[in-house]
Amino acid sequence: MTTPLTADKLLKALRDEGLHVIEHRSWRTNNRNHKGPWGPTHGVMIHHTVTTGTASSVDLCYNGHSALPGPLCHGVIAKDGTVYL
């Protein structure tokens, strides 16, 4: 288990690897703290979001839906490799 990266450290790590990263809206403060603390980290999960287009996927993951509040993940990786945080 490890302590999660800060927003700045995550952004730096992704960009240091040469990734194109877009900071979506207020991703640094969009959280689920009302649901309890986050961590410790046990691993990474990658899944496929079934929506039409990158913008729809980013919005769904940022906002969540009626049964599950957002954010639903830390980042969305678009088909072109761009990472949306």
C-alpha atoms as a PDB file:
ATOM      1  CA  MET A   1       0.000   0.000   0.000  1.00  0.00           C
ATOM      2  CA  THR A   2       1.135   3.490  -0.710  1.00  0.00           C
ATOM      3  CA  THR A   3       0.056   7.053  -0.146  1.00  0.00           C
ATOM      4  CA  PRO A   4      -1.717   8.462  -3.219  1.00  0.00           C
ATOM      5  CA  LEU A   5       0.182  10.985  -5.315  1.00  0.00           C
ATOM      6  CA  THR A   6      -0.733  14.627  -4.959  1.00  0.00           C
ATOM      7  CA  ALA A   7      -2.368  16.233  -7.981  1.00  0.00           C
ATOM      8  CA  ASP A   8       0.891  18.005  -8.849  1.00  0.00           C
ATOM      9  CA  LYS A   9       2.952  14.813  -8.579  1.00  0.00           C
ATOM     10  CA  LEU A  10       0.473  12.827 -10.693  1.00  0.00           C
ATOM     11  CA  LEU A  11       0.462  15.508 -13.389  1.00  0.00           C
ATOM     12  CA  LYS A  12       4.268  15.697 -13.381  1.00  0.00           C
ATOM     13  CA  ALA A  13       4.662  11.907 -13.556  1.00  0.00           C
ATOM     14  CA  LEU A  14       2.316  11.640 -16.538  1.00  0.00           C
ATOM     15  CA  ARG A  15       3.948  14.522 -18.396  1.00  0.00           C
ATOM     16  CA  ASP A  16       7.454  13.250 -17.578  1.00  0.00           C
ATOM     17  CA  GLU A  17       6.479  10.066 -19.437  1.00  0.00           C
ATOM     18  CA  GLY A  18       5.654  12.177 -22.485  1.00  0.00           C
ATOM     19  CA  LEU A  19       1.873  11.951 -22.232  1.00  0.00           C
ATOM     20  CA  HIS A  20      -0.425  14.721 -23.446  1.00  0.00           C
ATOM     21  CA  VAL A  21      -2.510  15.617 -20.390  1.00  0.00           C
ATOM     22  CA  ILE A  22      -5.559  17.859 -20.241  1.00  0.00           C
ATOM     23  CA  GLU A  23      -6.726  19.139 -16.861  1.00  0.00           C
ATOM     24  CA  HIS A  24     -10.532  18.925 -17.061  1.00  0.00           C
ATOM     25  CA  ARG A  25     -12.390  21.679 -15.243  1.00  0.00           C
ATOM     26  CA  SER A  26     -11.694  21.606 -11.484  1.00  0.00           C
ATOM     27  CA  TRP A  27     -10.408  18.002 -11.356  1.00  0.00           C
ATOM     28  CA  ARG A  28      -8.062  18.824  -8.468  1.00  0.00           C
ATOM     29  CA  THR A  29     -10.982  19.605  -6.143  1.00  0.00           C
ATOM     30  CA  ASN A  30     -13.709  17.382  -7.645  1.00  0.00           C
ATOM     31  CA  ASN A  31     -13.795  14.633  -5.036  1.00  0.00           C
ATOM     32  CA  ARG A  32     -16.001  12.358  -2.979  1.00  0.00           C
ATOM     33  CA  ASN A  33     -14.795  13.419   0.460  1.00  0.00           C
ATOM     34  CA  HIS A  34     -18.397  13.307   1.665  1.00  0.00           C
ATOM     35  CA  LYS A  35     -18.177   9.522   1.149  1.00  0.00           C
ATOM     36  CA  GLY A  36     -15.128   9.141   3.383  1.00  0.00           C
ATOM     37  CA  PRO A  37     -11.355   9.323   2.976  1.00  0.00           C
ATOM     38  CA  TRP A  38      -9.619   7.817  -0.045  1.00  0.00           C
ATOM     39  CA  GLY A  39      -6.758   5.403   0.336  1.00  0.00           C
ATOM     40  CA  PRO A  40      -4.688   3.498   1.051  1.00  0.00           C
ATOM     41  CA  THR A  41      -4.031   2.504  -2.546  1.00  0.00           C
ATOM     42  CA  HIS A  42      -4.121  -1.209  -3.284  1.00  0.00           C
ATOM     43  CA  GLY A  43      -3.730  -1.160  -7.061  1.00  0.00           C
ATOM     44  CA  VAL A  44      -4.823   0.274 -10.355  1.00  0.00           C
ATOM     45  CA  MET A  45      -7.961  -0.570 -12.298  1.00  0.00           C
ATOM     46  CA  ILE A  46      -8.438   0.105 -15.982  1.00  0.00           C
ATOM     47  CA  HIS A  47     -11.882  -0.250 -17.505  1.00  0.00           C
ATOM     48  CA  HIS A  48     -13.759   0.642 -20.664  1.00  0.00           C
ATOM     49  CA  THR A  49     -16.466   3.303 -20.506  1.00  0.00           C
ATOM     50  CA  VAL A  50     -19.192   2.820 -23.092  1.00  0.00           C
ATOM     51  CA  THR A  51     -20.151   6.268 -24.326  1.00  0.00           C
ATOM     52  CA  THR A  52     -20.115   8.071 -27.636  1.00  0.00           C
ATOM     53  CA  GLY A  53     -17.019  10.246 -27.918  1.00  0.00           C
ATOM     54  CA  THR A  54     -14.298  11.361 -25.568  1.00  0.00           C
ATOM     55  CA  ALA A  55     -16.229  14.344 -24.206  1.00  0.00           C
ATOM     56  CA  SER A  56     -19.083  12.064 -23.085  1.00  0.00           C
ATOM     57  CA  SER A  57     -16.656   9.702 -21.343  1.00  0.00           C
ATOM     58  CA  VAL A  58     -14.869  12.559 -19.584  1.00  0.00           C
ATOM     59  CA  ASP A  59     -18.158  14.134 -18.468  1.00  0.00           C
ATOM     60  CA  LEU A  60     -19.526  10.812 -17.185  1.00  0.00           C
ATOM     61  CA  CYS A  61     -16.375  10.054 -15.241  1.00  0.00           C
ATOM     62  CA  TYR A  62     -16.185  13.599 -13.843  1.00  0.00           C
ATOM     63  CA  ASN A  63     -19.861  13.957 -12.878  1.00  0.00           C
ATOM     64  CA  GLY A  64     -20.930  10.369 -12.245  1.00  0.00           C
ATOM     65  CA  HIS A  65     -24.610   9.489 -12.615  1.00  0.00           C
ATOM     66  CA  SER A  66     -27.743   9.198 -10.483  1.00  0.00           C
ATOM     67  CA  ALA A  67     -26.681   5.927  -8.827  1.00  0.00           C
ATOM     68  CA  LEU A  68     -23.009   6.779  -8.344  1.00  0.00           C
ATOM     69  CA  PRO A  69     -21.596  10.273  -7.754  1.00  0.00           C
ATOM     70  CA  GLY A  70     -18.468  11.417  -9.542  1.00  0.00           C
ATOM     71  CA  PRO A  71     -15.655  11.369  -9.925  1.00  0.00           C
ATOM     72  CA  LEU A  72     -15.663   7.763 -11.071  1.00  0.00           C
ATOM     73  CA  CYS A  73     -11.933   7.633 -11.846  1.00  0.00           C
ATOM     74  CA  HIS A  74      -8.729   9.662 -11.767  1.00  0.00           C
ATOM     75  CA  GLY A  75      -8.269   9.910 -15.497  1.00  0.00           C
ATOM     76  CA  VAL A  76      -9.746   9.043 -18.860  1.00  0.00           C
ATOM     77  CA  ILE A  77      -7.403   7.906 -21.606  1.00  0.00           C
ATOM     78  CA  ALA A  78      -8.790   8.829 -25.020  1.00  0.00           C
ATOM     79  CA  LYS A  79      -8.269   6.750 -28.139  1.00  0.00           C
ATOM     80  CA  ASP A  80      -5.554   9.164 -29.275  1.00  0.00           C
ATOM     81  CA  GLY A  81      -3.657   8.629 -25.999  1.00  0.00           C
ATOM     82  CA  THR A  82      -4.567  11.956 -24.397  1.00  0.00           C
ATOM     83  CA  VAL A  83      -5.119  11.694 -20.636  1.00  0.00           C
ATOM     84  CA  TYR A  84      -7.964  13.765 -19.193  1.00  0.00           C
ATOM     85  CA  LEU A  85      -7.680  14.333 -15.439  1.00  0.00           C
END
